[in-house]
C-alpha atoms as a PDB file:
ATOM      1  CA  MET A   1      -0.049   0.052  -0.025  1.00  0.00           C
ATOM      2  CA  ALA A   2       2.895   2.438   0.853  1.00  0.00           C
ATOM      3  CA  THR A   3       4.239   2.062  -2.723  1.00  0.00           C
ATOM      4  CA  PHE A   4       0.863   2.630  -4.298  1.00  0.00           C
ATOM      5  CA  LEU A   5       0.207   5.735  -2.275  1.00  0.00           C
ATOM      6  CA  SER A   6       3.560   7.215  -2.831  1.00  0.00           C
ATOM      7  CA  ARG A   7       3.175   6.834  -6.595  1.00  0.00           C
ATOM      8  CA  ARG A   8      -0.198   8.565  -6.434  1.00  0.00           C
ATOM      9  CA  SER A   9       1.255  11.267  -4.161  1.00  0.00           C
ATOM     10  CA  PHE A  10       4.010  11.912  -6.647  1.00  0.00           C
ATOM     11  CA  ALA A  11       1.501  12.217  -9.499  1.00  0.00           C
ATOM     12  CA  ALA A  12      -0.715  14.451  -7.479  1.00  0.00           C
ATOM     13  CA  GLY A  13       2.198  16.571  -6.547  1.00  0.00           C
ATOM     14  CA  GLY A  14       3.132  17.124 -10.154  1.00  0.00           C
ATOM     15  CA  ALA A  15      -0.477  17.954 -11.047  1.00  0.00           C
ATOM     16  CA  ALA A  16      -0.658  20.463  -8.209  1.00  0.00           C
ATOM     17  CA  ILE A  17       2.376  22.349  -9.547  1.00  0.00           C
ATOM     18  CA  LEU A  18       0.899  22.585 -12.974  1.00  0.00           C
ATOM     19  CA  ALA A  19      -2.461  23.630 -11.700  1.00  0.00           C
ATOM     20  CA  GLY A  20      -1.436  25.868  -8.801  1.00  0.00           C
ATOM     21  CA  SER A  21      -1.981  29.132 -10.651  1.00  0.00           C
ATOM     22  CA  ALA A  22      -5.460  28.096 -11.709  1.00  0.00           C
ATOM     23  CA  CYS A  23      -6.622  27.365  -8.114  1.00  0.00           C
ATOM     24  CA  ALA A  24      -9.301  30.028  -8.056  1.00  0.00           C
ATOM     25  CA  ALA A  25     -10.470  29.366 -11.589  1.00  0.00           C
ATOM     26  CA  SER A  26     -10.898  25.624 -10.956  1.00  0.00           C
ATOM     27  CA  GLY A  27     -13.189  26.173  -7.970  1.00  0.00           C
ATOM     28  CA  ARG A  28     -10.600  25.657  -5.291  1.00  0.00           C
ATOM     29  CA  ARG A  29      -9.205  27.864  -2.586  1.00  0.00           C
ATOM     30  CA  VAL A  30      -6.529  27.804   0.138  1.00  0.00           C
ATOM     31  CA  VAL A  31      -7.376  28.069   3.889  1.00  0.00           C
ATOM     32  CA  ASN A  32      -4.955  28.362   6.827  1.00  0.00           C
ATOM     33  CA  THR A  33      -5.184  25.727   9.469  1.00  0.00           C
ATOM     34  CA  PRO A  34      -3.051  25.028  12.611  1.00  0.00           C
ATOM     35  CA  LEU A  35      -1.237  22.442  10.531  1.00  0.00           C
ATOM     36  CA  GLY A  36      -0.537  24.840   7.691  1.00  0.00           C
ATOM     37  CA  PRO A  37      -2.319  25.861   4.450  1.00  0.00           C
ATOM     38  CA  VAL A  38      -4.731  23.443   2.838  1.00  0.00           C
ATOM     39  CA  GLU A  39      -6.153  23.733  -0.625  1.00  0.00           C
ATOM     40  CA  LEU A  40      -9.808  22.804  -0.687  1.00  0.00           C
ATOM     41  CA  PRO A  41     -12.599  22.356  -3.235  1.00  0.00           C
ATOM     42  CA  SER A  42     -14.935  25.308  -2.890  1.00  0.00           C
ATOM     43  CA  GLU A  43     -17.916  22.883  -2.597  1.00  0.00           C
ATOM     44  CA  PRO A  44     -16.810  19.522  -1.279  1.00  0.00           C
ATOM     45  CA  ARG A  45     -18.919  16.656  -2.692  1.00  0.00           C
ATOM     46  CA  ARG A  46     -17.380  13.531  -1.261  1.00  0.00           C
ATOM     47  CA  VAL A  47     -16.439  13.883   2.411  1.00  0.00           C
ATOM     48  CA  VAL A  48     -14.936  11.125   4.701  1.00  0.00           C
ATOM     49  CA  ALA A  49     -15.059  11.645   8.522  1.00  0.00           C
ATOM     50  CA  ILE A  50     -12.249   9.612  10.117  1.00  0.00           C
ATOM     51  CA  ASP A  51     -13.510  10.005  13.665  1.00  0.00           C
ATOM     52  CA  SER A  52     -17.101   9.019  14.356  1.00  0.00           C
ATOM     53  CA  ARG A  53     -17.270  11.378  17.262  1.00  0.00           C
ATOM     54  CA  ILE A  54     -15.820  14.805  16.532  1.00  0.00           C
ATOM     55  CA  SER A  55     -15.393  14.538  12.752  1.00  0.00           C
ATOM     56  CA  LEU A  56     -18.690  12.882  11.993  1.00  0.00           C
ATOM     57  CA  GLU A  57     -20.829  15.089  14.266  1.00  0.00           C
ATOM     58  CA  MET A  58     -19.318  18.234  12.747  1.00  0.00           C
ATOM     59  CA  ALA A  59     -19.903  17.009   9.201  1.00  0.00           C
ATOM     60  CA  LEU A  60     -23.538  16.351   9.985  1.00  0.00           C
ATOM     61  CA  ALA A  61     -24.032  19.633  11.685  1.00  0.00           C
ATOM     62  CA  LEU A  62     -22.687  21.496   8.656  1.00  0.00           C
ATOM     63  CA  ASP A  63     -24.633  19.280   6.247  1.00  0.00           C
ATOM     64  CA  LEU A  64     -21.540  17.996   4.389  1.00  0.00           C
ATOM     65  CA  PRO A  65     -21.977  15.301   1.717  1.00  0.00           C
ATOM     66  CA  LEU A  66     -20.655  12.272   3.667  1.00  0.00           C
ATOM     67  CA  ILE A  67     -19.566   9.124   1.872  1.00  0.00           C
ATOM     68  CA  GLY A  68     -18.222   7.218   4.947  1.00  0.00           C
ATOM     69  CA  TYR A  69     -16.865   7.474   8.476  1.00  0.00           C
ATOM     70  CA  SER A  70     -14.474   5.411  10.635  1.00  0.00           C
ATOM     71  CA  HIS A  71     -13.280   4.794  14.232  1.00  0.00           C
ATOM     72  CA  SER A  72     -16.466   3.338  15.785  1.00  0.00           C
ATOM     73  CA  ARG A  73     -20.208   3.044  15.122  1.00  0.00           C
ATOM     74  CA  ALA A  74     -22.126   6.308  15.475  1.00  0.00           C
ATOM     75  CA  ARG A  75     -23.771   6.844  18.848  1.00  0.00           C
ATOM     76  CA  PRO A  76     -27.548   6.428  18.977  1.00  0.00           C
ATOM     77  CA  TRP A  77     -28.070  10.217  19.368  1.00  0.00           C
ATOM     78  CA  VAL A  78     -26.043  11.055  16.263  1.00  0.00           C
ATOM     79  CA  PRO A  79     -28.374  11.347  13.255  1.00  0.00           C
ATOM     80  CA  VAL A  80     -26.142   9.755  10.635  1.00  0.00           C
ATOM     81  CA  PRO A  81     -28.118   8.615   7.550  1.00  0.00           C
ATOM     82  CA  ALA A  82     -28.318   4.880   6.971  1.00  0.00           C
ATOM     83  CA  SER A  83     -26.862   5.478   3.547  1.00  0.00           C
ATOM     84  CA  VAL A  84     -23.564   6.600   4.996  1.00  0.00           C
ATOM     85  CA  PRO A  85     -21.314   3.537   5.462  1.00  0.00           C
ATOM     86  CA  PHE A  86     -19.198   2.705   8.373  1.00  0.00           C
ATOM     87  CA  LEU A  87     -15.693   2.124   7.052  1.00  0.00           C
ATOM     88  CA  ALA A  88     -12.837  -0.083   8.299  1.00  0.00           C
ATOM     89  CA  ALA A  89     -11.440   0.766  11.708  1.00  0.00           C
ATOM     90  CA  PRO A  90      -8.657   1.657  12.039  1.00  0.00           C
ATOM     91  CA  PRO A  91      -8.918   3.472   8.745  1.00  0.00           C
ATOM     92  CA  ASP A  92      -7.875   1.493   5.691  1.00  0.00           C
ATOM     93  CA  LEU A  93      -6.166   3.970   3.449  1.00  0.00           C
ATOM     94  CA  GLU A  94      -6.788   1.877   0.276  1.00  0.00           C
ATOM     95  CA  GLN A  95     -10.471   1.666   1.074  1.00  0.00           C
ATOM     96  CA  ILE A  96     -10.593   5.451   1.457  1.00  0.00           C
ATOM     97  CA  LEU A  97      -8.596   6.053  -1.689  1.00  0.00           C
ATOM     98  CA  THR A  98     -11.099   3.886  -3.588  1.00  0.00           C
ATOM     99  CA  LEU A  99     -13.897   6.121  -2.361  1.00  0.00           C
ATOM    100  CA  GLN A 100     -12.238   9.060  -4.091  1.00  0.00           C
ATOM    101  CA  PRO A 101     -13.007  11.694  -1.384  1.00  0.00           C
ATOM    102  CA  ASP A 102     -12.356  15.322  -2.125  1.00  0.00           C
ATOM    103  CA  LEU A 103     -12.244  16.214   1.611  1.00  0.00           C
ATOM    104  CA  ILE A 104     -11.252  14.277   4.793  1.00  0.00           C
ATOM    105  CA  LEU A 105     -11.901  15.372   8.363  1.00  0.00           C
ATOM    106  CA  CYS A 106      -9.497  13.923  10.948  1.00  0.00           C
ATOM    107  CA  PRO A 107      -8.583  14.892  14.504  1.00  0.00           C
ATOM    108  CA  ASP A 108      -4.943  16.022  14.965  1.00  0.00           C
ATOM    109  CA  THR A 109      -4.582  13.697  17.967  1.00  0.00           C
ATOM    110  CA  SER A 110      -1.635  11.790  16.483  1.00  0.00           C
ATOM    111  CA  ALA A 111      -0.865  12.520  12.818  1.00  0.00           C
ATOM    112  CA  TYR A 112       1.201   9.418  12.276  1.00  0.00           C
ATOM    113  CA  SER A 113      -0.852   6.953  14.342  1.00  0.00           C
ATOM    114  CA  GLU A 114      -2.959   4.008  13.134  1.00  0.00           C
ATOM    115  CA  TRP A 115      -6.277   5.482  14.176  1.00  0.00           C
ATOM    116  CA  TRP A 116      -5.792   9.086  13.115  1.00  0.00           C
ATOM    117  CA  PRO A 117      -3.226   8.899  10.254  1.00  0.00           C
ATOM    118  CA  LEU A 118      -3.681  12.546   9.253  1.00  0.00           C
ATOM    119  CA  ALA A 119      -0.314  12.810   7.527  1.00  0.00           C
ATOM    120  CA  ARG A 120      -0.937   9.765   5.248  1.00  0.00           C
ATOM    121  CA  LEU A 121      -4.531  10.806   4.603  1.00  0.00           C
ATOM    122  CA  SER A 122      -3.365  14.179   3.276  1.00  0.00           C
ATOM    123  CA  ARG A 123      -1.802  12.344   0.390  1.00  0.00           C
ATOM    124  CA  ILE A 124      -5.283  11.065  -0.631  1.00  0.00           C
ATOM    125  CA  ALA A 125      -7.310  14.272  -0.313  1.00  0.00           C
ATOM    126  CA  PRO A 126      -7.216  17.637   1.591  1.00  0.00           C
ATOM    127  CA  VAL A 127      -7.526  17.085   5.300  1.00  0.00           C
ATOM    128  CA  LEU A 128      -9.119  19.481   7.810  1.00  0.00           C
ATOM    129  CA  PRO A 129      -8.103  18.848  11.485  1.00  0.00           C
ATOM    130  CA  SER A 130      -9.923  19.077  14.854  1.00  0.00           C
ATOM    131  CA  ASN A 131      -8.467  19.072  18.353  1.00  0.00           C
ATOM    132  CA  HIS A 132      -9.848  17.116  21.271  1.00  0.00           C
ATOM    133  CA  ARG A 133      -8.395  19.594  23.721  1.00  0.00           C
ATOM    134  CA  THR A 134     -10.667  22.329  22.290  1.00  0.00           C
ATOM    135  CA  HIS A 135     -14.281  23.017  23.162  1.00  0.00           C
ATOM    136  CA  TRP A 136     -16.594  21.551  20.483  1.00  0.00           C
ATOM    137  CA  ARG A 137     -17.751  25.012  19.535  1.00  0.00           C
ATOM    138  CA  GLY A 138     -14.170  26.068  18.708  1.00  0.00           C
ATOM    139  CA  ASN A 139     -13.700  23.045  16.485  1.00  0.00           C
ATOM    140  CA  LEU A 140     -17.048  23.518  14.808  1.00  0.00           C
ATOM    141  CA  ASP A 141     -16.420  27.320  14.225  1.00  0.00           C
ATOM    142  CA  SER A 142     -13.046  26.551  12.729  1.00  0.00           C
ATOM    143  CA  LEU A 143     -14.375  24.020  10.300  1.00  0.00           C
ATOM    144  CA  ALA A 144     -17.327  26.189   9.377  1.00  0.00           C
ATOM    145  CA  GLY A 145     -14.990  29.092   8.675  1.00  0.00           C
ATOM    146  CA  TRP A 146     -12.743  27.067   6.446  1.00  0.00           C
ATOM    147  CA  LEU A 147     -15.736  25.707   4.548  1.00  0.00           C
ATOM    148  CA  GLN A 148     -17.690  29.021   4.520  1.00  0.00           C
ATOM    149  CA  ARG A 149     -20.624  27.438   6.426  1.00  0.00           C
ATOM    150  CA  THR A 150     -20.800  29.862   9.350  1.00  0.00           C
ATOM    151  CA  GLU A 151     -24.536  30.238   9.081  1.00  0.00           C
ATOM    152  CA  ALA A 152     -25.107  26.484   9.717  1.00  0.00           C
ATOM    153  CA  ALA A 153     -22.658  26.561  12.589  1.00  0.00           C
ATOM    154  CA  GLY A 154     -24.389  29.651  14.036  1.00  0.00           C
ATOM    155  CA  ARG A 155     -27.756  27.862  14.083  1.00  0.00           C
ATOM    156  CA  THR A 156     -26.254  24.755  15.754  1.00  0.00           C
ATOM    157  CA  THR A 157     -24.554  26.712  18.482  1.00  0.00           C
ATOM    158  CA  ALA A 158     -27.595  28.982  19.108  1.00  0.00           C
ATOM    159  CA  ALA A 159     -29.825  25.844  19.654  1.00  0.00           C
ATOM    160  CA  TYR A 160     -27.331  24.538  22.208  1.00  0.00           C
ATOM    161  CA  ALA A 161     -26.964  27.882  23.970  1.00  0.00           C
ATOM    162  CA  GLU A 162     -30.799  28.046  24.311  1.00  0.00           C
ATOM    163  CA  GLN A 163     -30.839  24.579  25.896  1.00  0.00           C
ATOM    164  CA  ILE A 164     -28.029  25.397  28.308  1.00  0.00           C
ATOM    165  CA  ALA A 165     -29.602  28.706  29.328  1.00  0.00           C
ATOM    166  CA  GLY A 166     -32.878  26.965  30.169  1.00  0.00           C
ATOM    167  CA  LEU A 167     -31.036  24.348  32.299  1.00  0.00           C
ATOM    168  CA  ARG A 168     -28.956  26.828  34.130  1.00  0.00           C
ATOM    169  CA  GLN A 169     -32.097  28.778  35.121  1.00  0.00           C
ATOM    170  CA  ARG A 170     -33.942  25.653  36.117  1.00  0.00           C
ATOM    171  CA  HIS A 171     -31.122  24.213  38.276  1.00  0.00           C
ATOM    172  CA  ASP A 172     -29.496  27.377  39.485  1.00  0.00           C
ATOM    173  CA  GLY A 173     -29.686  26.472  43.178  1.00  0.00           C
ATOM    174  CA  VAL A 174     -28.416  22.901  42.805  1.00  0.00           C
ATOM    175  CA  LEU A 175     -25.601  24.048  40.497  1.00  0.00           C
ATOM    176  CA  ARG A 176     -24.364  26.697  42.907  1.00  0.00           C
ATOM    177  CA  ARG A 177     -24.222  24.548  45.941  1.00  0.00           C
ATOM    178  CA  SER A 178     -23.045  21.168  44.459  1.00  0.00           C
ATOM    179  CA  LEU A 179     -19.807  19.509  43.598  1.00  0.00           C
ATOM    180  CA  LEU A 180     -20.341  17.146  40.692  1.00  0.00           C
ATOM    181  CA  ALA A 181     -18.407  14.445  38.892  1.00  0.00           C
ATOM    182  CA  ALA A 182     -18.772  12.603  35.583  1.00  0.00           C
ATOM    183  CA  ALA A 183     -17.157   9.267  35.548  1.00  0.00           C
ATOM    184  CA  THR A 184     -16.802   5.840  33.869  1.00  0.00           C
ATOM    185  CA  TYR A 185     -15.877   2.585  35.641  1.00  0.00           C
ATOM    186  CA  ASP A 186     -13.320   0.047  34.464  1.00  0.00           C
ATOM    187  CA  PRO A 187     -14.430  -3.268  35.876  1.00  0.00           C
ATOM    188  CA  LEU A 188     -11.297  -5.141  34.899  1.00  0.00           C
ATOM    189  CA  LYS A 189      -8.894  -2.665  36.602  1.00  0.00           C
ATOM    190  CA  ARG A 190     -11.526  -1.890  39.292  1.00  0.00           C
ATOM    191  CA  ARG A 191     -10.999   1.787  39.110  1.00  0.00           C
ATOM    192  CA  LEU A 192     -13.141   4.827  38.459  1.00  0.00           C
ATOM    193  CA  VAL A 193     -12.130   7.302  35.784  1.00  0.00           C
ATOM    194  CA  VAL A 194     -13.390  10.836  36.565  1.00  0.00           C
ATOM    195  CA  ARG A 195     -13.935  12.883  33.347  1.00  0.00           C
ATOM    196  CA  SER A 196     -12.762  16.276  34.610  1.00  0.00           C
ATOM    197  CA  ASP A 197     -10.954  18.919  32.476  1.00  0.00           C
ATOM    198  CA  GLY A 198      -7.227  18.882  32.784  1.00  0.00           C
ATOM    199  CA  THR A 199      -6.466  15.159  32.695  1.00  0.00           C
ATOM    200  CA  GLY A 200      -4.482  13.460  29.922  1.00  0.00           C
ATOM    201  CA  TYR A 201      -7.699  12.909  27.941  1.00  0.00           C
ATOM    202  CA  GLY A 202      -8.080  16.645  27.362  1.00  0.00           C
ATOM    203  CA  PHE A 203     -11.242  18.756  27.616  1.00  0.00           C
ATOM    204  CA  VAL A 204     -13.617  15.915  27.315  1.00  0.00           C
ATOM    205  CA  MET A 205     -17.342  16.384  26.583  1.00  0.00           C
ATOM    206  CA  PRO A 206     -18.788  15.765  30.009  1.00  0.00           C
ATOM    207  CA  ALA A 207     -16.555  18.461  31.457  1.00  0.00           C
ATOM    208  CA  GLN A 208     -17.338  20.864  28.626  1.00  0.00           C
ATOM    209  CA  VAL A 209     -21.081  20.608  29.184  1.00  0.00           C
ATOM    210  CA  LEU A 210     -20.783  20.878  32.939  1.00  0.00           C
ATOM    211  CA  ALA A 211     -18.631  23.967  32.547  1.00  0.00           C
ATOM    212  CA  ASP A 212     -21.188  25.485  30.166  1.00  0.00           C
ATOM    213  CA  LEU A 213     -23.907  24.899  32.852  1.00  0.00           C
ATOM    214  CA  GLY A 214     -21.672  26.672  35.376  1.00  0.00           C
ATOM    215  CA  GLY A 215     -21.305  23.620  37.483  1.00  0.00           C
ATOM    216  CA  ARG A 216     -18.339  22.817  39.815  1.00  0.00           C
ATOM    217  CA  ALA A 217     -16.385  19.641  38.978  1.00  0.00           C
ATOM    218  CA  VAL A 218     -13.755  17.548  40.918  1.00  0.00           C
ATOM    219  CA  LYS A 219     -10.323  19.173  40.151  1.00  0.00           C
ATOM    220  CA  ALA A 220      -7.995  17.133  37.921  1.00  0.00           C
ATOM    221  CA  GLY A 221      -5.200  17.602  40.530  1.00  0.00           C
ATOM    222  CA  ARG A 222      -7.019  15.275  42.880  1.00  0.00           C
ATOM    223  CA  LEU A 223      -7.081  12.525  40.197  1.00  0.00           C
ATOM    224  CA  GLY A 224      -4.573  10.224  38.517  1.00  0.00           C
ATOM    225  CA  PRO A 225      -2.929  11.496  35.208  1.00  0.00           C
ATOM    226  CA  TYR A 226      -5.898  10.312  33.183  1.00  0.00           C
ATOM    227  CA  GLY A 227      -8.540  10.854  35.860  1.00  0.00           C
ATOM    228  CA  GLU A 228      -8.312   7.411  37.555  1.00  0.00           C
ATOM    229  CA  VAL A 229      -9.335   6.814  41.070  1.00  0.00           C
ATOM    230  CA  ALA A 230      -8.554   3.487  42.816  1.00  0.00           C
ATOM    231  CA  LEU A 231     -11.430   2.010  44.719  1.00  0.00           C
ATOM    232  CA  GLU A 232      -9.633   2.413  48.069  1.00  0.00           C
ATOM    233  CA  SER A 233      -9.360   6.118  47.288  1.00  0.00           C
ATOM    234  CA  LEU A 234     -13.010   6.782  46.451  1.00  0.00           C
ATOM    235  CA  GLY A 235     -13.883   8.202  49.833  1.00  0.00           C
ATOM    236  CA  ASP A 236     -10.932  10.621  49.904  1.00  0.00           C
ATOM    237  CA  VAL A 237     -11.477  11.833  46.333  1.00  0.00           C
ATOM    238  CA  LEU A 238     -15.280  11.726  45.996  1.00  0.00           C
ATOM    239  CA  GLY A 239     -16.384  11.947  49.622  1.00  0.00           C
ATOM    240  CA  GLN A 240     -17.488  15.579  49.132  1.00  0.00           C
ATOM    241  CA  VAL A 241     -19.121  15.061  45.741  1.00  0.00           C
ATOM    242  CA  ASP A 242     -22.901  15.742  45.841  1.00  0.00           C
ATOM    243  CA  GLY A 243     -23.820  14.027  42.512  1.00  0.00           C
ATOM    244  CA  VAL A 244     -22.344  11.682  39.923  1.00  0.00           C
ATOM    245  CA  LEU A 245     -23.117  11.295  36.265  1.00  0.00           C
ATOM    246  CA  LEU A 246     -22.042   7.635  35.594  1.00  0.00           C
ATOM    247  CA  ILE A 247     -21.456   7.034  31.936  1.00  0.00           C
ATOM    248  CA  ASP A 248     -22.241   3.545  30.793  1.00  0.00           C
ATOM    249  CA  LEU A 249     -19.872   2.424  27.965  1.00  0.00           C
ATOM    250  CA  GLY A 250     -21.919  -0.655  27.287  1.00  0.00           C
ATOM    251  CA  ASP A 251     -19.748  -3.175  29.267  1.00  0.00           C
ATOM    252  CA  ARG A 252     -22.054  -3.634  32.270  1.00  0.00           C
ATOM    253  CA  ALA A 253     -19.685  -1.580  34.308  1.00  0.00           C
ATOM    254  CA  PRO A 254     -22.380   0.220  36.384  1.00  0.00           C
ATOM    255  CA  ALA A 255     -23.707  -3.126  37.595  1.00  0.00           C
ATOM    256  CA  ALA A 256     -20.232  -4.195  38.579  1.00  0.00           C
ATOM    257  CA  LEU A 257     -19.515  -0.861  40.317  1.00  0.00           C
ATOM    258  CA  ALA A 258     -22.822  -1.140  42.267  1.00  0.00           C
ATOM    259  CA  ARG A 259     -21.516  -4.319  43.863  1.00  0.00           C
ATOM    260  CA  GLU A 260     -18.449  -2.540  45.319  1.00  0.00           C
ATOM    261  CA  PRO A 261     -18.941  -1.700  49.039  1.00  0.00           C
ATOM    262  CA  LEU A 262     -16.660   1.341  48.808  1.00  0.00           C
ATOM    263  CA  TRP A 263     -18.810   2.842  46.093  1.00  0.00           C
ATOM    264  CA  GLN A 264     -21.998   2.210  48.066  1.00  0.00           C
ATOM    265  CA  ARG A 265     -20.533   4.183  51.014  1.00  0.00           C
ATOM    266  CA  LEU A 266     -20.160   7.435  49.099  1.00  0.00           C
ATOM    267  CA  PRO A 267     -22.619  10.012  50.335  1.00  0.00           C
ATOM    268  CA  ALA A 268     -23.759  10.817  46.816  1.00  0.00           C
ATOM    269  CA  VAL A 269     -24.585   7.120  46.205  1.00  0.00           C
ATOM    270  CA  ARG A 270     -26.364   6.700  49.554  1.00  0.00           C
ATOM    271  CA  ALA A 271     -28.502   9.764  48.718  1.00  0.00           C
ATOM    272  CA  GLY A 272     -29.385   8.327  45.316  1.00  0.00           C
ATOM    273  CA  HIS A 273     -27.649  11.246  43.549  1.00  0.00           C
ATOM    274  CA  VAL A 274     -26.261   9.077  40.678  1.00  0.00           C
ATOM    275  CA  HIS A 275     -27.625   9.095  37.162  1.00  0.00           C
ATOM    276  CA  VAL A 276     -26.505   6.440  34.685  1.00  0.00           C
ATOM    277  CA  SER A 277     -26.212   7.776  31.091  1.00  0.00           C
ATOM    278  CA  PRO A 278     -25.989   5.063  28.455  1.00  0.00           C
ATOM    279  CA  GLY A 279     -23.576   5.303  25.540  1.00  0.00           C
ATOM    280  CA  ASN A 280     -20.017   6.528  25.088  1.00  0.00           C
ATOM    281  CA  SER A 281     -20.163  10.304  25.327  1.00  0.00           C
ATOM    282  CA  ILE A 282     -16.584  11.106  26.355  1.00  0.00           C
ATOM    283  CA  PHE A 283     -15.695  12.677  22.975  1.00  0.00           C
ATOM    284  CA  GLY A 284     -17.942  14.313  20.441  1.00  0.00           C
ATOM    285  CA  SER A 285     -19.490  17.471  19.170  1.00  0.00           C
ATOM    286  CA  VAL A 286     -22.818  19.197  19.098  1.00  0.00           C
ATOM    287  CA  TYR A 287     -24.992  16.015  19.233  1.00  0.00           C
ATOM    288  CA  THR A 288     -23.074  14.618  22.082  1.00  0.00           C
ATOM    289  CA  ALA A 289     -23.318  18.086  23.829  1.00  0.00           C
ATOM    290  CA  HIS A 290     -27.106  17.949  23.545  1.00  0.00           C
ATOM    291  CA  HIS A 291     -27.148  14.397  24.808  1.00  0.00           C
ATOM    292  CA  LEU A 292     -25.006  15.200  27.803  1.00  0.00           C
ATOM    293  CA  ALA A 293     -27.005  18.361  28.587  1.00  0.00           C
ATOM    294  CA  GLY A 294     -30.005  16.040  28.938  1.00  0.00           C
ATOM    295  CA  ALA A 295     -27.977  13.656  31.122  1.00  0.00           C
ATOM    296  CA  TRP A 296     -26.861  16.462  33.462  1.00  0.00           C
ATOM    297  CA  ASP A 297     -30.454  17.622  33.536  1.00  0.00           C
ATOM    298  CA  ALA A 298     -31.626  14.243  34.737  1.00  0.00           C
ATOM    299  CA  LEU A 299     -28.947  14.185  37.541  1.00  0.00           C
ATOM    300  CA  LEU A 300     -29.708  17.669  38.682  1.00  0.00           C
ATOM    301  CA  THR A 301     -33.446  16.882  38.670  1.00  0.00           C
ATOM    302  CA  ARG A 302     -32.758  13.812  40.810  1.00  0.00           C
ATOM    303  CA  MET A 303     -30.676  15.886  43.274  1.00  0.00           C
ATOM    304  CA  ALA A 304     -33.374  18.531  43.625  1.00  0.00           C
ATOM    305  CA  SER A 305     -36.121  15.977  44.485  1.00  0.00           C
END
């Protein structure tokens, strides 16, 4: 595959030199990204989203003509059309090349990695990046600016802002007096992973939405490098937490956690201030933001009753 791609890259490079002066006339333009200038089609018609979370959600929000996506199956709350196929994961470059995309969306998490091979993908088609350490609105605004779809992005962010404003007003008292945590549980390692901002996972979606609501979260400095908390430390780390949003990744972890005596001793658990949210909502964009706003709403409603 490497030989095939390098030949194609060589041919494309030669064509780019010949056509460079005709960029505007051919319906293409250059945009500046954090990774350097990228030449795009003015109206992309065949878009591949490498990451089913950030990339796919942004593509749908901006109504881009998707022809495939990778990484993992779309979450139930993401309205991906049935006609858009799920591609090989990790991405298969030959498969993507066969699809003949004219634009690829890919996180800049690790440009030479197996899962986000941004550097190699750029030899197939123009690639626009996203960054998982940035608030989803920043990623969406950047993509919308590069693609001249700012009106679509504006409608999307306005709808979310309206939802958040309503929740802040409804739960103002609980939000002001409460310390909250969003977490997942690893039943194999028997440890909780608290999804606060500032851990090695970056500004993850549960933390983003809680920050938008004006809620207080457990500080990353009290956690392990990636938010981990050993069972024997639950009381020390989460003893002052008033409510927990427990994210169910689909591995029956909440049921396993419920059997742990140290978990059951936590004041928030004894008070019934735990809401289990189904589906992996750690990373994403606007659709995951709406989903998590509903999950936080459910927890805060439970805490107020």
